[in-house]
Amino acid sequence: MTADIPQITLPTPAVTPPDGFIMDGKGRLVPTGQIKPHQDLEDQMVRKVLGYAVDLANQIKRFKGHVFDDANTFMSLAAEEYGVTKRGAVGKGNVTFMSFDGLMKFQIAVADRLAFGPELQIARGQFESCIVDWADGVRAELRALVDSAFQTDKEGQVSRDAIFRLLRLDFDDERWKSGQNAIRDSIRVIGSKAYTRFYIRPDPQAAWQAVPIDLAAA
């Protein structure tokens, strides 16, 4: 896995500027003598910071690859010990690995990426029909929950959590139940994402302390 990980590289100009010149944002050659001191300092600082950032990002990518390689190797060896042929990668399920002394562990968890199909609009109609007919007895919180569940963000996506909250509400109305069934039918699994979390603690009775490394985006 680690050998196939694409590396991030710093951008390089299509044409190398001649000595004494620097390329500006419009692709024009500007004599370095015309660059103000603070502009030159900013340029140097940005290049230095991004150099470190790209190196660190590539290290995290390689680390993620090693984590999954090591976890998969362990799972294969453990499966052999029990006479089982391991199928698939560790990233297909949720698993926790812990040191023998109980002071260190890491977890690999998989979360499905969901989308909602056209049935969601049918559910919305059913819920809104209930709200209208129950108007006199409907709490403001319920009306707000239904409204917020179907609001879309700037990317046109609805709130997964708000939609699922509607599934936890139970009302003795066939339209409400029909709306909940429509939500269930609308759910599409369009992929999954593996999350890795790391924890340490000074002794087995202490609370776990997270080691903050975000591998989800790596």
Protein backbone atom coordinates (compact mmCIF):
# COMPACT_ATOMS: atom_id res chain seq x y z
CA MET A 1 0.00 0.00 0.00
CA THR A 2 2.69 2.51 0.97
CA ALA A 3 4.38 2.30 -2.42
CA ASP A 4 1.16 3.44 -4.17
CA ILE A 5 0.58 6.56 -2.07
CA PRO A 6 0.73 9.71 -4.24
CA GLN A 7 3.00 12.40 -2.87
CA ILE A 8 2.20 16.10 -2.62
CA THR A 9 4.74 18.33 -4.36
CA LEU A 10 5.32 22.06 -4.27
CA PRO A 11 4.36 23.91 -7.46
CA THR A 12 7.14 24.89 -9.81
CA PRO A 13 6.97 27.52 -12.56
CA ALA A 14 6.54 26.24 -16.11
CA VAL A 15 9.51 28.43 -17.08
CA THR A 16 12.41 29.11 -14.75
CA PRO A 17 12.86 32.89 -14.39
CA PRO A 18 16.28 34.19 -15.43
CA ASP A 19 18.65 35.51 -12.78
CA GLY A 20 17.47 38.77 -11.28
CA PHE A 21 13.79 38.16 -12.03
CA ILE A 22 10.82 36.58 -10.29
CA MET A 23 7.46 35.48 -11.69
CA ASP A 24 4.36 37.28 -10.43
CA GLY A 25 0.82 35.92 -10.14
CA LYS A 26 0.02 36.83 -13.75
CA GLY A 27 3.05 35.04 -15.17
CA ARG A 28 5.04 38.23 -15.76
CA LEU A 29 8.75 38.52 -15.08
CA VAL A 30 9.44 41.21 -12.48
CA PRO A 31 12.97 42.41 -11.65
CA THR A 32 13.82 41.44 -8.07
CA GLY A 33 14.93 45.02 -7.46
CA GLN A 34 11.32 46.14 -7.86
CA ILE A 35 10.07 43.81 -5.13
CA LYS A 36 9.40 45.62 -1.86
CA PRO A 37 11.25 44.22 1.20
CA HIS A 38 8.06 43.07 2.92
CA GLN A 39 6.90 41.31 -0.27
CA ASP A 40 10.21 39.47 -0.53
CA LEU A 41 10.01 38.53 3.15
CA GLU A 42 6.44 37.27 2.74
CA ASP A 43 7.46 35.21 -0.29
CA GLN A 44 10.32 33.57 1.64
CA MET A 45 8.11 32.89 4.66
CA VAL A 46 5.33 31.28 2.59
CA ARG A 47 7.80 29.06 0.74
CA LYS A 48 9.41 28.00 4.01
CA VAL A 49 6.11 27.24 5.75
CA LEU A 50 4.65 25.37 2.75
CA GLY A 51 7.84 23.38 2.41
CA TYR A 52 7.40 22.12 5.97
CA ALA A 53 3.65 21.62 5.44
CA VAL A 54 4.10 19.49 2.32
CA ASP A 55 6.82 17.40 3.98
CA LEU A 56 4.60 16.83 7.02
CA ALA A 57 1.57 15.97 4.86
CA ASN A 58 3.61 13.40 2.96
CA GLN A 59 4.89 11.93 6.23
CA ILE A 60 1.30 11.58 7.45
CA LYS A 61 0.32 9.89 4.18
CA ARG A 62 3.19 7.42 4.54
CA PHE A 63 2.32 6.88 8.21
CA LYS A 64 -1.29 6.11 7.30
CA GLY A 65 -0.09 3.56 4.78
CA HIS A 66 2.16 1.90 7.37
CA VAL A 67 -0.66 1.82 9.95
CA PHE A 68 -3.00 -0.04 7.59
CA ASP A 69 -0.21 -2.28 6.28
CA ASP A 70 0.77 -3.28 9.82
CA ALA A 71 -2.85 -3.77 10.90
CA ASN A 72 -3.60 -5.95 7.87
CA THR A 73 -0.45 -8.00 8.42
CA PHE A 74 -1.41 -8.59 12.04
CA MET A 75 -4.97 -9.56 11.12
CA SER A 76 -3.67 -12.03 8.53
CA LEU A 77 -1.32 -13.62 11.07
CA ALA A 78 -4.06 -13.76 13.70
CA ALA A 79 -6.44 -15.37 11.19
CA GLU A 80 -3.83 -18.00 10.34
CA GLU A 81 -3.43 -18.81 14.04
CA TYR A 82 -7.13 -19.69 14.15
CA GLY A 83 -7.03 -21.52 10.84
CA VAL A 84 -9.12 -18.88 9.09
CA THR A 85 -8.49 -17.40 5.66
CA LYS A 86 -8.74 -13.63 6.04
CA ARG A 87 -10.90 -11.89 3.44
CA GLY A 88 -10.62 -8.20 2.67
CA ALA A 89 -8.75 -5.41 4.36
CA VAL A 90 -8.94 -4.31 7.97
CA GLY A 91 -10.46 -1.06 6.72
CA LYS A 92 -13.67 -2.96 5.94
CA GLY A 93 -14.61 -3.25 9.61
CA ASN A 94 -14.19 -1.69 13.04
CA VAL A 95 -11.34 -2.98 15.18
CA THR A 96 -9.25 -1.92 18.21
CA PHE A 97 -5.60 -2.89 18.72
CA MET A 98 -4.11 -2.58 22.23
CA SER A 99 -0.67 -2.98 23.77
CA PHE A 100 -0.25 -5.87 26.20
CA ASP A 101 0.07 -3.51 29.19
CA GLY A 102 -3.17 -1.73 28.28
CA LEU A 103 -1.52 1.70 28.05
CA MET A 104 -1.69 2.24 24.29
CA LYS A 105 -4.28 1.50 21.64
CA PHE A 106 -5.46 2.56 18.24
CA GLN A 107 -8.79 2.07 16.57
CA ILE A 108 -9.80 1.77 12.95
CA ALA A 109 -13.44 2.66 12.39
CA VAL A 110 -15.33 2.74 9.12
CA ALA A 111 -18.17 5.19 8.51
CA ASP A 112 -20.45 4.94 5.49
CA ARG A 113 -20.84 7.95 3.23
CA LEU A 114 -24.54 8.40 2.57
CA ALA A 115 -26.69 10.19 0.04
CA PHE A 116 -30.47 10.54 -0.02
CA GLY A 117 -32.60 9.68 -3.05
CA PRO A 118 -35.86 11.25 -4.31
CA GLU A 119 -37.88 9.38 -1.69
CA LEU A 120 -36.67 12.03 0.75
CA GLN A 121 -39.01 14.58 -0.84
CA ILE A 122 -41.91 12.17 -0.39
CA ALA A 123 -41.00 11.90 3.29
CA ARG A 124 -40.93 15.68 3.55
CA GLY A 125 -44.45 15.91 2.13
CA GLN A 126 -45.75 13.33 4.59
CA PHE A 127 -44.19 15.07 7.58
CA GLU A 128 -45.41 18.51 6.53
CA SER A 129 -48.91 17.10 6.04
CA CYS A 130 -48.82 15.87 9.62
CA ILE A 131 -47.56 19.23 10.91
CA VAL A 132 -50.39 21.08 9.15
CA ASP A 133 -53.10 18.78 10.49
CA TRP A 134 -51.63 18.72 13.98
CA ALA A 135 -51.17 22.50 14.00
CA ASP A 136 -52.99 23.18 17.25
CA GLY A 137 -51.12 20.55 19.22
CA VAL A 138 -47.70 20.61 17.55
CA ARG A 139 -44.80 21.81 19.68
CA ALA A 140 -42.62 24.48 18.11
CA GLU A 141 -39.58 22.20 18.57
CA LEU A 142 -41.09 19.53 16.30
CA ARG A 143 -41.92 22.03 13.59
CA ALA A 144 -38.38 23.43 13.80
CA LEU A 145 -36.90 19.91 13.63
CA VAL A 146 -38.83 19.05 10.47
CA ASP A 147 -37.90 22.37 8.86
CA SER A 148 -34.21 22.04 9.71
CA ALA A 149 -34.03 18.41 8.57
CA PHE A 150 -34.82 19.34 4.98
CA GLN A 151 -32.82 22.54 4.74
CA THR A 152 -29.86 22.24 2.39
CA ASP A 153 -26.42 23.75 2.78
CA LYS A 154 -24.57 25.69 0.07
CA GLU A 155 -23.63 22.38 -1.58
CA GLY A 156 -27.24 21.23 -1.69
CA GLN A 157 -26.81 18.63 1.05
CA VAL A 158 -29.23 17.98 3.91
CA SER A 159 -28.15 17.28 7.48
CA ARG A 160 -27.72 13.53 7.95
CA ASP A 161 -28.09 13.86 11.74
CA ALA A 162 -31.28 15.93 11.49
CA ILE A 163 -32.83 13.42 9.07
CA PHE A 164 -31.98 10.52 11.36
CA ARG A 165 -33.51 12.34 14.34
CA LEU A 166 -36.86 12.15 12.53
CA LEU A 167 -36.51 8.35 12.46
CA ARG A 168 -36.33 8.26 16.24
CA LEU A 169 -39.66 10.03 16.74
CA ASP A 170 -42.73 7.82 17.08
CA PHE A 171 -46.22 9.14 16.31
CA ASP A 172 -49.41 7.16 15.84
CA ASP A 173 -50.11 8.51 12.38
CA GLU A 174 -49.73 6.41 9.24
CA ARG A 175 -48.43 9.41 7.30
CA TRP A 176 -45.60 9.88 9.79
CA LYS A 177 -44.71 6.19 9.61
CA SER A 178 -44.90 6.35 5.82
CA GLY A 179 -42.53 9.33 5.85
CA GLN A 180 -40.06 7.42 8.00
CA ASN A 181 -40.20 4.45 5.61
CA ALA A 182 -39.57 6.82 2.71
CA ILE A 183 -36.45 8.12 4.49
CA ARG A 184 -35.17 4.57 4.95
CA ASP A 185 -35.80 3.82 1.27
CA SER A 186 -34.01 7.03 0.25
CA ILE A 187 -30.70 6.12 1.90
CA ARG A 188 -27.90 5.27 -0.55
CA VAL A 189 -24.45 4.14 0.60
CA ILE A 190 -22.07 5.82 -1.86
CA GLY A 191 -18.81 4.87 -0.20
CA SER A 192 -17.04 4.60 3.11
CA LYS A 193 -14.24 6.34 4.98
CA ALA A 194 -11.82 4.75 7.42
CA TYR A 195 -10.93 6.72 10.53
CA THR A 196 -7.93 5.91 12.72
CA ARG A 197 -7.70 7.15 16.30
CA PHE A 198 -4.78 6.80 18.71
CA TYR A 199 -4.86 6.78 22.54
CA ILE A 200 -2.44 6.55 25.45
CA ARG A 201 -2.76 6.58 29.25
CA PRO A 202 -0.25 6.54 32.12
CA ASP A 203 -1.81 3.53 33.91
CA PRO A 204 -4.64 1.03 33.28
CA GLN A 205 -7.05 2.91 35.58
CA ALA A 206 -6.53 6.32 33.95
CA ALA A 207 -8.72 7.82 31.26
CA TRP A 208 -7.56 7.55 27.68
CA GLN A 209 -5.81 10.58 26.18
CA ALA A 210 -6.20 11.06 22.44
CA VAL A 211 -3.10 11.48 20.28
CA PRO A 212 -4.39 14.04 17.73
CA ILE A 213 -3.41 12.82 14.27
CA ASP A 214 -6.01 13.26 11.55
CA LEU A 215 -5.57 10.48 9.01
CA ALA A 216 -9.06 10.76 7.54
CA ALA A 217 -8.01 13.38 4.99
CA ALA A 218 -4.57 11.91 4.32
